Amino acid sequence: MTDLDSSSTTYGPSAILTPANIVTLVRLAAAPVAFSMMLTDPNQSSWPLAALWFVLSTSDMLDGTLARKQGTTRSGAFLDPLADKVLTIGGIAVMCVEGRFPWIALVLIVVREVAVSVFRSVYVRRGLAVPASKIAKWKAFLQMGAVGWVTVPLTESQHWLSLGTLWVGVALGLISGAQYFVAGSRAATSMAR
């Protein structure tokens, strides 16, 4: 008799269509729908949009839980951060286009993400892995949350809440980026010894 409980299934590092990756692919596919809803709504807020953004933002925890339980994959290690970046940068970019967020916040976020991605690829070529810090996870949560506050109709007049959340997320992004560079440099130095 075969156990059909999917929670007991494990996947190797080369697997592609795992439950975790499917969740991530759905997040990526639904992101343009959310961006379109933001652009077509005059206030960038509605209950359906808020619900969609909440699901897209929080489902990151689901794919992470599934991956840890069933096995991480190389494709998931690429797709999950990609989905986070698409949602975060895309959502904030829409809010900048609509005049809800300042462009400088988006520029700082993009510069940080590009710099970390470049250094990550350098570290990987040297055989180093520098995991995301807790501050980096909070950064992503707050940046997605800043967009989320705008999408909730009850907070239309609470612009300070979304802006405050955004700027705390930007600050944590810069701090976690600096931590990433320091940790990578230390690991590279100790590896060279």
N, C-alpha and C. Protein backbone atom coordinates (compact mmCIF):
# COMPACT_ATOMS: atom_id res chain seq x y z
N MET A 1 0.85 -1.18 0.00
CA MET A 1 0.00 0.00 0.00
C MET A 1 0.89 1.24 0.00
N THR A 2 0.51 2.24 -0.77
CA THR A 2 1.30 3.46 -0.91
C THR A 2 0.75 4.55 -0.02
N ASP A 3 1.65 5.25 0.63
CA ASP A 3 1.25 6.39 1.46
C ASP A 3 1.06 7.60 0.55
N LEU A 4 -0.15 8.11 0.49
CA LEU A 4 -0.46 9.24 -0.37
C LEU A 4 -0.36 10.57 0.36
N ASP A 5 0.10 10.56 1.59
CA ASP A 5 0.24 11.79 2.36
C ASP A 5 1.39 12.60 1.78
N SER A 6 1.07 13.73 1.14
CA SER A 6 2.11 14.52 0.48
C SER A 6 3.11 15.11 1.46
N SER A 7 2.75 15.20 2.73
CA SER A 7 3.69 15.77 3.69
C SER A 7 4.87 14.84 3.94
N SER A 8 4.72 13.55 3.58
CA SER A 8 5.82 12.62 3.79
C SER A 8 6.72 12.53 2.55
N THR A 9 6.32 13.15 1.46
CA THR A 9 7.11 13.13 0.23
C THR A 9 8.30 14.07 0.38
N THR A 10 9.46 13.60 -0.07
CA THR A 10 10.63 14.46 -0.08
C THR A 10 11.15 14.57 -1.50
N TYR A 11 11.81 15.68 -1.78
CA TYR A 11 12.32 15.95 -3.12
C TYR A 11 13.82 16.22 -3.04
N GLY A 12 14.52 15.81 -4.07
CA GLY A 12 15.95 16.05 -4.14
C GLY A 12 16.25 17.46 -4.64
N PRO A 13 17.52 17.85 -4.58
CA PRO A 13 17.90 19.21 -4.94
C PRO A 13 17.63 19.58 -6.40
N SER A 14 17.52 18.58 -7.29
CA SER A 14 17.30 18.90 -8.70
C SER A 14 15.83 18.91 -9.10
N ALA A 15 14.93 18.62 -8.17
CA ALA A 15 13.49 18.61 -8.48
C ALA A 15 13.02 20.01 -8.87
N ILE A 16 12.03 20.05 -9.74
CA ILE A 16 11.52 21.35 -10.20
C ILE A 16 10.08 21.57 -9.76
N LEU A 17 9.18 20.68 -10.10
CA LEU A 17 7.76 20.88 -9.77
C LEU A 17 7.42 20.29 -8.41
N THR A 18 7.93 20.90 -7.39
CA THR A 18 7.61 20.52 -6.02
C THR A 18 6.45 21.38 -5.53
N PRO A 19 5.75 20.97 -4.49
CA PRO A 19 4.68 21.83 -3.95
C PRO A 19 5.17 23.24 -3.60
N ALA A 20 6.36 23.34 -3.02
CA ALA A 20 6.89 24.67 -2.67
C ALA A 20 7.11 25.51 -3.92
N ASN A 21 7.67 24.92 -4.97
CA ASN A 21 7.90 25.66 -6.20
C ASN A 21 6.60 26.03 -6.89
N ILE A 22 5.59 25.18 -6.79
CA ILE A 22 4.29 25.50 -7.38
C ILE A 22 3.69 26.72 -6.69
N VAL A 23 3.78 26.77 -5.36
CA VAL A 23 3.30 27.96 -4.63
C VAL A 23 4.05 29.20 -5.12
N THR A 24 5.36 29.09 -5.27
CA THR A 24 6.16 30.22 -5.72
C THR A 24 5.78 30.63 -7.14
N LEU A 25 5.57 29.66 -8.03
CA LEU A 25 5.18 29.98 -9.41
C LEU A 25 3.81 30.65 -9.46
N VAL A 26 2.90 30.23 -8.60
CA VAL A 26 1.59 30.88 -8.52
C VAL A 26 1.76 32.32 -8.06
N ARG A 27 2.64 32.54 -7.08
CA ARG A 27 2.92 33.91 -6.61
C ARG A 27 3.43 34.77 -7.77
N LEU A 28 4.36 34.23 -8.55
CA LEU A 28 4.91 34.97 -9.69
C LEU A 28 3.84 35.25 -10.75
N ALA A 29 3.00 34.26 -11.03
CA ALA A 29 1.96 34.42 -12.05
C ALA A 29 0.89 35.41 -11.61
N ALA A 30 0.60 35.47 -10.32
CA ALA A 30 -0.46 36.36 -9.82
C ALA A 30 0.03 37.79 -9.59
N ALA A 31 1.33 37.99 -9.53
CA ALA A 31 1.87 39.34 -9.27
C ALA A 31 1.38 40.36 -10.30
N PRO A 32 1.42 40.07 -11.61
CA PRO A 32 0.92 41.07 -12.57
C PRO A 32 -0.56 41.39 -12.39
N VAL A 33 -1.33 40.43 -11.92
CA VAL A 33 -2.75 40.68 -11.65
C VAL A 33 -2.88 41.72 -10.54
N ALA A 34 -2.10 41.56 -9.48
CA ALA A 34 -2.13 42.53 -8.38
C ALA A 34 -1.67 43.90 -8.85
N PHE A 35 -0.60 43.94 -9.64
CA PHE A 35 -0.10 45.24 -10.13
C PHE A 35 -1.14 45.92 -11.01
N SER A 36 -1.80 45.14 -11.86
CA SER A 36 -2.85 45.69 -12.72
C SER A 36 -4.00 46.25 -11.90
N MET A 37 -4.40 45.52 -10.85
CA MET A 37 -5.47 46.00 -9.97
C MET A 37 -5.06 47.31 -9.30
N MET A 38 -3.80 47.40 -8.89
CA MET A 38 -3.32 48.64 -8.25
C MET A 38 -3.36 49.81 -9.23
N LEU A 39 -2.99 49.55 -10.47
CA LEU A 39 -2.93 50.62 -11.47
C LEU A 39 -4.32 51.07 -11.93
N THR A 40 -5.29 50.16 -11.91
CA THR A 40 -6.62 50.52 -12.40
C THR A 40 -7.54 51.07 -11.32
N ASP A 41 -7.21 50.85 -10.07
CA ASP A 41 -8.03 51.40 -8.98
C ASP A 41 -7.54 52.81 -8.67
N PRO A 42 -8.45 53.79 -8.67
CA PRO A 42 -8.00 55.18 -8.45
C PRO A 42 -7.31 55.40 -7.11
N ASN A 43 -7.64 54.62 -6.10
CA ASN A 43 -7.01 54.77 -4.78
C ASN A 43 -6.00 53.67 -4.48
N GLN A 44 -5.80 52.76 -5.41
CA GLN A 44 -4.94 51.59 -5.22
C GLN A 44 -5.40 50.76 -4.02
N SER A 45 -6.69 50.82 -3.70
CA SER A 45 -7.17 50.05 -2.55
C SER A 45 -8.56 49.49 -2.80
N SER A 46 -8.71 48.24 -2.42
CA SER A 46 -10.00 47.56 -2.45
C SER A 46 -9.83 46.28 -1.64
N TRP A 47 -10.94 45.76 -1.17
CA TRP A 47 -10.84 44.52 -0.38
C TRP A 47 -10.32 43.35 -1.21
N PRO A 48 -10.76 43.18 -2.48
CA PRO A 48 -10.18 42.08 -3.26
C PRO A 48 -8.67 42.24 -3.47
N LEU A 49 -8.22 43.47 -3.73
CA LEU A 49 -6.79 43.72 -3.90
C LEU A 49 -6.04 43.46 -2.60
N ALA A 50 -6.59 43.94 -1.49
CA ALA A 50 -5.94 43.72 -0.19
C ALA A 50 -5.83 42.23 0.11
N ALA A 51 -6.90 41.47 -0.20
CA ALA A 51 -6.87 40.02 0.04
C ALA A 51 -5.82 39.35 -0.84
N LEU A 52 -5.78 39.73 -2.11
CA LEU A 52 -4.79 39.14 -3.02
C LEU A 52 -3.38 39.47 -2.56
N TRP A 53 -3.13 40.73 -2.20
CA TRP A 53 -1.79 41.11 -1.75
C TRP A 53 -1.41 40.37 -0.47
N PHE A 54 -2.36 40.21 0.44
CA PHE A 54 -2.10 39.47 1.68
C PHE A 54 -1.69 38.03 1.36
N VAL A 55 -2.44 37.38 0.47
CA VAL A 55 -2.13 36.00 0.11
C VAL A 55 -0.75 35.92 -0.57
N LEU A 56 -0.48 36.83 -1.49
CA LEU A 56 0.81 36.81 -2.18
C LEU A 56 1.97 37.05 -1.21
N SER A 57 1.77 37.93 -0.27
CA SER A 57 2.83 38.26 0.69
C SER A 57 3.06 37.16 1.71
N THR A 58 1.99 36.59 2.21
CA THR A 58 2.13 35.60 3.28
C THR A 58 2.38 34.19 2.77
N SER A 59 2.07 33.92 1.50
CA SER A 59 2.31 32.57 0.97
C SER A 59 3.80 32.26 0.87
N ASP A 60 4.64 33.27 1.02
CA ASP A 60 6.08 33.04 1.08
C ASP A 60 6.42 32.12 2.25
N MET A 61 5.68 32.28 3.35
CA MET A 61 5.91 31.40 4.51
C MET A 61 5.51 29.97 4.17
N LEU A 62 4.44 29.80 3.38
CA LEU A 62 3.98 28.46 3.02
C LEU A 62 5.02 27.75 2.16
N ASP A 63 5.53 28.43 1.13
CA ASP A 63 6.50 27.73 0.29
C ASP A 63 7.79 27.42 1.06
N GLY A 64 8.16 28.30 1.99
CA GLY A 64 9.33 28.02 2.82
C GLY A 64 9.13 26.83 3.73
N THR A 65 7.94 26.75 4.33
CA THR A 65 7.62 25.62 5.20
C THR A 65 7.62 24.32 4.41
N LEU A 66 6.99 24.34 3.23
CA LEU A 66 6.96 23.14 2.39
C LEU A 66 8.37 22.72 1.98
N ALA A 67 9.19 23.68 1.62
CA ALA A 67 10.56 23.36 1.19
C ALA A 67 11.37 22.75 2.34
N ARG A 68 11.23 23.32 3.52
CA ARG A 68 11.98 22.76 4.66
C ARG A 68 11.49 21.36 5.01
N LYS A 69 10.21 21.12 4.84
CA LYS A 69 9.62 19.83 5.21
C LYS A 69 9.90 18.76 4.15
N GLN A 70 9.86 19.16 2.87
CA GLN A 70 9.95 18.18 1.79
C GLN A 70 11.27 18.21 1.04
N GLY A 71 12.13 19.13 1.39
CA GLY A 71 13.44 19.19 0.74
C GLY A 71 13.59 20.44 -0.11
N THR A 72 14.70 21.13 0.10
CA THR A 72 14.96 22.33 -0.69
C THR A 72 15.53 21.91 -2.04
N THR A 73 15.31 22.76 -3.03
CA THR A 73 15.79 22.48 -4.38
C THR A 73 16.57 23.69 -4.90
N ARG A 74 17.41 23.43 -5.89
CA ARG A 74 18.15 24.54 -6.52
C ARG A 74 17.18 25.50 -7.21
N SER A 75 16.16 24.93 -7.86
CA SER A 75 15.19 25.80 -8.53
C SER A 75 14.43 26.65 -7.52
N GLY A 76 14.09 26.08 -6.37
CA GLY A 76 13.40 26.84 -5.33
C GLY A 76 14.28 27.91 -4.74
N ALA A 77 15.58 27.61 -4.60
CA ALA A 77 16.52 28.60 -4.07
C ALA A 77 16.63 29.81 -4.99
N PHE A 78 16.35 29.61 -6.28
CA PHE A 78 16.34 30.71 -7.24
C PHE A 78 14.96 31.38 -7.30
N LEU A 79 13.90 30.56 -7.40
CA LEU A 79 12.55 31.09 -7.61
C LEU A 79 11.99 31.86 -6.42
N ASP A 80 12.22 31.37 -5.21
CA ASP A 80 11.62 32.02 -4.03
C ASP A 80 12.11 33.45 -3.86
N PRO A 81 13.42 33.72 -3.87
CA PRO A 81 13.84 35.11 -3.76
C PRO A 81 13.41 35.95 -4.96
N LEU A 82 13.33 35.31 -6.15
CA LEU A 82 12.86 36.04 -7.32
C LEU A 82 11.42 36.51 -7.12
N ALA A 83 10.56 35.63 -6.62
CA ALA A 83 9.16 36.00 -6.37
C ALA A 83 9.09 37.14 -5.35
N ASP A 84 9.89 37.05 -4.30
CA ASP A 84 9.91 38.13 -3.30
C ASP A 84 10.31 39.46 -3.93
N LYS A 85 11.34 39.43 -4.78
CA LYS A 85 11.82 40.67 -5.40
C LYS A 85 10.79 41.22 -6.39
N VAL A 86 10.17 40.35 -7.18
CA VAL A 86 9.15 40.80 -8.13
C VAL A 86 8.00 41.46 -7.39
N LEU A 87 7.52 40.81 -6.33
CA LEU A 87 6.41 41.38 -5.57
C LEU A 87 6.80 42.69 -4.89
N THR A 88 7.92 42.69 -4.21
CA THR A 88 8.33 43.88 -3.47
C THR A 88 8.63 45.05 -4.40
N ILE A 89 9.54 44.83 -5.34
CA ILE A 89 9.93 45.92 -6.23
C ILE A 89 8.78 46.32 -7.14
N GLY A 90 8.04 45.34 -7.65
CA GLY A 90 6.90 45.66 -8.50
C GLY A 90 5.82 46.44 -7.78
N GLY A 91 5.47 46.00 -6.58
CA GLY A 91 4.44 46.70 -5.80
C GLY A 91 4.86 48.11 -5.43
N ILE A 92 6.10 48.26 -5.01
CA ILE A 92 6.59 49.60 -4.64
C ILE A 92 6.70 50.49 -5.88
N ALA A 93 7.12 49.91 -7.01
CA ALA A 93 7.20 50.69 -8.26
C ALA A 93 5.82 51.21 -8.66
N VAL A 94 4.80 50.37 -8.55
CA VAL A 94 3.44 50.82 -8.88
C VAL A 94 3.04 51.96 -7.95
N MET A 95 3.36 51.84 -6.67
CA MET A 95 3.00 52.90 -5.73
C MET A 95 3.77 54.19 -6.03
N CYS A 96 4.99 54.07 -6.55
CA CYS A 96 5.74 55.27 -6.96
C CYS A 96 5.08 55.91 -8.19
N VAL A 97 4.73 55.08 -9.17
CA VAL A 97 4.06 55.59 -10.37
C VAL A 97 2.77 56.32 -10.00
N GLU A 98 2.05 55.79 -9.02
CA GLU A 98 0.78 56.37 -8.60
C GLU A 98 0.96 57.53 -7.60
N GLY A 99 2.21 57.86 -7.27
CA GLY A 99 2.47 58.98 -6.38
C GLY A 99 2.27 58.69 -4.90
N ARG A 100 2.17 57.41 -4.55
CA ARG A 100 1.97 57.03 -3.15
C ARG A 100 3.28 56.93 -2.38
N PHE A 101 4.35 56.53 -3.05
CA PHE A 101 5.66 56.37 -2.43
C PHE A 101 6.68 57.22 -3.17
N PRO A 102 7.72 57.68 -2.47
CA PRO A 102 8.78 58.45 -3.14
C PRO A 102 9.71 57.53 -3.94
N TRP A 103 10.14 58.03 -5.09
CA TRP A 103 11.01 57.24 -5.96
C TRP A 103 12.33 56.89 -5.30
N ILE A 104 12.84 57.73 -4.42
CA ILE A 104 14.13 57.46 -3.78
C ILE A 104 14.09 56.16 -2.99
N ALA A 105 12.93 55.84 -2.40
CA ALA A 105 12.81 54.58 -1.67
C ALA A 105 13.00 53.40 -2.62
N LEU A 106 12.37 53.48 -3.79
CA LEU A 106 12.51 52.41 -4.78
C LEU A 106 13.96 52.30 -5.25
N VAL A 107 14.59 53.43 -5.50
CA VAL A 107 15.99 53.43 -5.95
C VAL A 107 16.88 52.75 -4.91
N LEU A 108 16.71 53.10 -3.64
CA LEU A 108 17.52 52.49 -2.57
C LEU A 108 17.29 50.98 -2.50
N ILE A 109 16.04 50.57 -2.64
CA ILE A 109 15.71 49.13 -2.58
C ILE A 109 16.36 48.40 -3.75
N VAL A 110 16.23 48.94 -4.95
CA VAL A 110 16.78 48.29 -6.14
C VAL A 110 18.31 48.23 -6.07
N VAL A 111 18.94 49.32 -5.67
CA VAL A 111 20.41 49.32 -5.55
C VAL A 111 20.86 48.27 -4.55
N ARG A 112 20.18 48.18 -3.42
CA ARG A 112 20.53 47.18 -2.40
C ARG A 112 20.37 45.76 -2.96
N GLU A 113 19.25 45.50 -3.64
CA GLU A 113 18.99 44.16 -4.17
C GLU A 113 20.00 43.77 -5.24
N VAL A 114 20.34 44.70 -6.12
CA VAL A 114 21.34 44.42 -7.16
C VAL A 114 22.70 44.16 -6.52
N ALA A 115 23.09 45.00 -5.57
CA ALA A 115 24.40 44.83 -4.92
C ALA A 115 24.48 43.48 -4.20
N VAL A 116 23.44 43.13 -3.46
CA VAL A 116 23.45 41.85 -2.75
C VAL A 116 23.48 40.69 -3.74
N SER A 117 22.73 40.79 -4.83
CA SER A 117 22.72 39.72 -5.84
C SER A 117 24.09 39.55 -6.48
N VAL A 118 24.76 40.65 -6.78
CA VAL A 118 26.11 40.58 -7.37
C VAL A 118 27.07 39.92 -6.39
N PHE A 119 27.06 40.38 -5.14
CA PHE A 119 27.97 39.78 -4.16
C PHE A 119 27.62 38.33 -3.88
N ARG A 120 26.33 38.00 -3.89
CA ARG A 120 25.93 36.61 -3.68
C ARG A 120 26.52 35.73 -4.78
N SER A 121 26.46 36.18 -6.03
CA SER A 121 27.01 35.37 -7.12
C SER A 121 28.53 35.22 -6.99
N VAL A 122 29.20 36.27 -6.53
CA VAL A 122 30.65 36.19 -6.29
C VAL A 122 30.93 35.17 -5.19
N TYR A 123 30.17 35.25 -4.10
CA TYR A 123 30.36 34.32 -2.98
C TYR A 123 30.11 32.88 -3.42
N VAL A 124 29.07 32.66 -4.22
CA VAL A 124 28.74 31.31 -4.67
C VAL A 124 29.88 30.74 -5.52
N ARG A 125 30.46 31.56 -6.39
CA ARG A 125 31.58 31.10 -7.21
C ARG A 125 32.78 30.72 -6.36
N ARG A 126 32.89 31.33 -5.19
CA ARG A 126 33.99 30.99 -4.27
C ARG A 126 33.62 29.84 -3.34
N GLY A 127 32.41 29.30 -3.51
CA GLY A 127 31.98 28.19 -2.68
C GLY A 127 31.43 28.60 -1.33
N LEU A 128 31.02 29.86 -1.21
CA LEU A 128 30.49 30.37 0.06
C LEU A 128 28.98 30.52 -0.02
N ALA A 129 28.32 30.26 1.08
CA ALA A 129 26.88 30.49 1.17
C ALA A 129 26.64 31.39 2.37
N VAL A 130 26.02 32.52 2.14
CA VAL A 130 25.69 33.44 3.22
C VAL A 130 24.16 33.51 3.28
N PRO A 131 23.57 32.89 4.28
CA PRO A 131 22.10 32.86 4.36
C PRO A 131 21.52 34.24 4.70
N ALA A 132 20.25 34.40 4.36
CA ALA A 132 19.55 35.65 4.69
C ALA A 132 19.41 35.77 6.20
N SER A 133 19.62 36.97 6.70
CA SER A 133 19.51 37.20 8.15
C SER A 133 18.05 37.44 8.53
N LYS A 134 17.79 37.43 9.82
CA LYS A 134 16.44 37.73 10.30
C LYS A 134 16.04 39.16 9.92
N ILE A 135 17.01 40.06 9.95
CA ILE A 135 16.71 41.45 9.57
C ILE A 135 16.27 41.51 8.11
N ALA A 136 16.91 40.72 7.24
CA ALA A 136 16.52 40.70 5.83
C ALA A 136 15.10 40.17 5.66
N LYS A 137 14.73 39.19 6.48
CA LYS A 137 13.35 38.67 6.41
C LYS A 137 12.35 39.72 6.88
N TRP A 138 12.71 40.46 7.92
CA TRP A 138 11.85 41.55 8.38
C TRP A 138 11.75 42.64 7.33
N LYS A 139 12.86 42.90 6.65
CA LYS A 139 12.88 43.89 5.58
C LYS A 139 11.84 43.56 4.53
N ALA A 140 11.85 42.31 4.07
CA ALA A 140 10.89 41.89 3.04
C ALA A 140 9.46 41.99 3.56
N PHE A 141 9.25 41.57 4.79
CA PHE A 141 7.92 41.64 5.40
C PHE A 141 7.41 43.08 5.45
N LEU A 142 8.27 44.00 5.88
CA LEU A 142 7.85 45.40 6.01
C LEU A 142 7.65 46.06 4.65
N GLN A 143 8.51 45.74 3.69
CA GLN A 143 8.34 46.35 2.37
C GLN A 143 7.05 45.88 1.70
N MET A 144 6.75 44.59 1.81
CA MET A 144 5.48 44.10 1.28
C MET A 144 4.32 44.65 2.10
N GLY A 145 4.53 44.79 3.40
CA GLY A 145 3.50 45.35 4.27
C GLY A 145 3.18 46.79 3.95
N ALA A 146 4.19 47.55 3.54
CA ALA A 146 3.96 48.96 3.18
C ALA A 146 2.99 49.05 2.01
N VAL A 147 3.19 48.19 1.02
CA VAL A 147 2.26 48.15 -0.12
C VAL A 147 0.90 47.66 0.37
N GLY A 148 0.92 46.67 1.24
CA GLY A 148 -0.33 46.13 1.78
C GLY A 148 -1.18 47.17 2.48
N TRP A 149 -0.54 48.06 3.25
CA TRP A 149 -1.31 49.10 3.94
C TRP A 149 -2.05 49.99 2.96
N VAL A 150 -1.43 50.28 1.81
CA VAL A 150 -2.09 51.12 0.81
C VAL A 150 -3.31 50.40 0.23
N THR A 151 -3.23 49.08 0.08
CA THR A 151 -4.32 48.34 -0.57
C THR A 151 -5.55 48.17 0.30
N VAL A 152 -5.41 48.35 1.62
CA VAL A 152 -6.55 48.17 2.53
C VAL A 152 -7.39 49.45 2.53
N PRO A 153 -8.67 49.36 2.14
CA PRO A 153 -9.50 50.56 2.06
C PRO A 153 -9.60 51.35 3.37
N LEU A 154 -9.53 50.70 4.50
CA LEU A 154 -9.68 51.41 5.77
C LEU A 154 -8.51 52.33 6.07
N THR A 155 -7.40 52.14 5.38
CA THR A 155 -6.20 52.93 5.68
C THR A 155 -5.92 54.00 4.63
N GLU A 156 -6.88 54.29 3.77
CA GLU A 156 -6.66 55.29 2.72
C GLU A 156 -6.16 56.61 3.29
N SER A 157 -6.69 57.01 4.43
CA SER A 157 -6.27 58.29 5.01
C SER A 157 -5.05 58.13 5.93
N GLN A 158 -4.56 56.94 6.07
CA GLN A 158 -3.42 56.67 6.95
C GLN A 158 -2.14 56.52 6.14
N HIS A 159 -1.89 57.47 5.26
CA HIS A 159 -0.71 57.40 4.38
C HIS A 159 0.59 57.32 5.19
N TRP A 160 0.61 57.95 6.35
CA TRP A 160 1.80 57.93 7.20
C TRP A 160 2.16 56.51 7.61
N LEU A 161 1.14 55.64 7.76
CA LEU A 161 1.39 54.26 8.17
C LEU A 161 2.15 53.49 7.09
N SER A 162 1.69 53.62 5.85
CA SER A 162 2.38 52.92 4.76
C SER A 162 3.77 53.51 4.52
N LEU A 163 3.90 54.83 4.60
CA LEU A 163 5.21 55.46 4.41
C LEU A 163 6.18 55.10 5.53
N GLY A 164 5.70 55.12 6.76
CA GLY A 164 6.55 54.74 7.89
C GLY A 164 7.03 53.30 7.77
N THR A 165 6.11 52.41 7.40
CA THR A 165 6.46 51.00 7.22
C THR A 165 7.48 50.85 6.09
N LEU A 166 7.27 51.59 5.00
CA LEU A 166 8.20 51.54 3.88
C LEU A 166 9.60 51.97 4.30
N TRP A 167 9.71 53.11 5.00
CA TRP A 167 11.03 53.62 5.37
C TRP A 167 11.74 52.73 6.39
N VAL A 168 10.99 52.11 7.29
CA VAL A 168 11.63 51.15 8.21
C VAL A 168 12.13 49.96 7.40
N GLY A 169 11.34 49.50 6.43
CA GLY A 169 11.77 48.41 5.56
C GLY A 169 13.00 48.76 4.74
N VAL A 170 13.07 50.00 4.24
CA VAL A 170 14.25 50.45 3.50
C VAL A 170 15.47 50.45 4.41
N ALA A 171 15.31 50.99 5.61
CA ALA A 171 16.43 51.04 6.57
C ALA A 171 16.92 49.64 6.91
N LEU A 172 15.99 48.73 7.18
CA LEU A 172 16.40 47.35 7.48
C LEU A 172 17.07 46.70 6.28
N GLY A 173 16.63 47.06 5.08
CA GLY A 173 17.27 46.53 3.87
C GLY A 173 18.71 46.97 3.77
N LEU A 174 18.96 48.24 4.05
CA LEU A 174 20.33 48.74 3.99
C LEU A 174 21.20 48.11 5.09
N ILE A 175 20.63 47.96 6.28
CA ILE A 175 21.37 47.31 7.38
C ILE A 175 21.67 45.86 7.04
N SER A 176 20.66 45.13 6.55
CA SER A 176 20.88 43.71 6.24
C SER A 176 21.84 43.56 5.06
N GLY A 177 21.82 44.50 4.12
CA GLY A 177 22.78 44.47 3.02
C GLY A 177 24.20 44.62 3.53
N ALA A 178 24.40 45.56 4.45
CA ALA A 178 25.72 45.75 5.06
C ALA A 178 26.14 44.49 5.82
N GLN A 179 25.20 43.90 6.57
CA GLN A 179 25.51 42.66 7.29
C GLN A 179 25.92 41.55 6.32
N TYR A 180 25.24 41.47 5.20
CA TYR A 180 25.53 40.45 4.21
C TYR A 180 26.96 40.59 3.69
N PHE A 181 27.35 41.83 3.37
CA PHE A 181 28.70 42.07 2.87
C PHE A 181 29.75 41.74 3.92
N VAL A 182 29.51 42.12 5.17
CA VAL A 182 30.45 41.84 6.26
C VAL A 182 30.58 40.33 6.46
N ALA A 183 29.44 39.64 6.53
CA ALA A 183 29.47 38.18 6.74
C ALA A 183 30.17 37.48 5.58
N GLY A 184 29.90 37.91 4.36
CA GLY A 184 30.56 37.31 3.20
C GLY A 184 32.05 37.58 3.18
N SER A 185 32.43 38.78 3.53
CA SER A 185 33.86 39.13 3.56
C SER A 185 34.59 38.32 4.62
N ARG A 186 33.97 38.18 5.78
CA ARG A 186 34.59 37.37 6.85
C ARG A 186 34.73 35.92 6.43
N ALA A 187 33.68 35.39 5.80
CA ALA A 187 33.74 33.99 5.36
C ALA A 187 34.82 33.81 4.29
N ALA A 188 34.92 34.77 3.38
CA ALA A 188 35.94 34.69 2.33
C ALA A 188 37.34 34.78 2.92
N THR A 189 37.51 35.66 3.91
CA THR A 189 38.82 35.83 4.56
C THR A 189 39.21 34.56 5.30
N SER A 190 38.28 33.98 6.05
CA SER A 190 38.61 32.77 6.81
C SER A 190 38.83 31.58 5.88
N MET A 191 38.19 31.59 4.73
CA MET A 191 38.37 30.50 3.77
C MET A 191 39.75 30.60 3.11
N ALA A 192 40.24 31.82 2.95
CA ALA A 192 41.54 32.03 2.31
C ALA A 192 42.70 31.61 3.21
N ARG A 193 42.45 31.51 4.51
CA ARG A 193 43.53 31.15 5.45
C ARG A 193 43.90 29.72 5.39
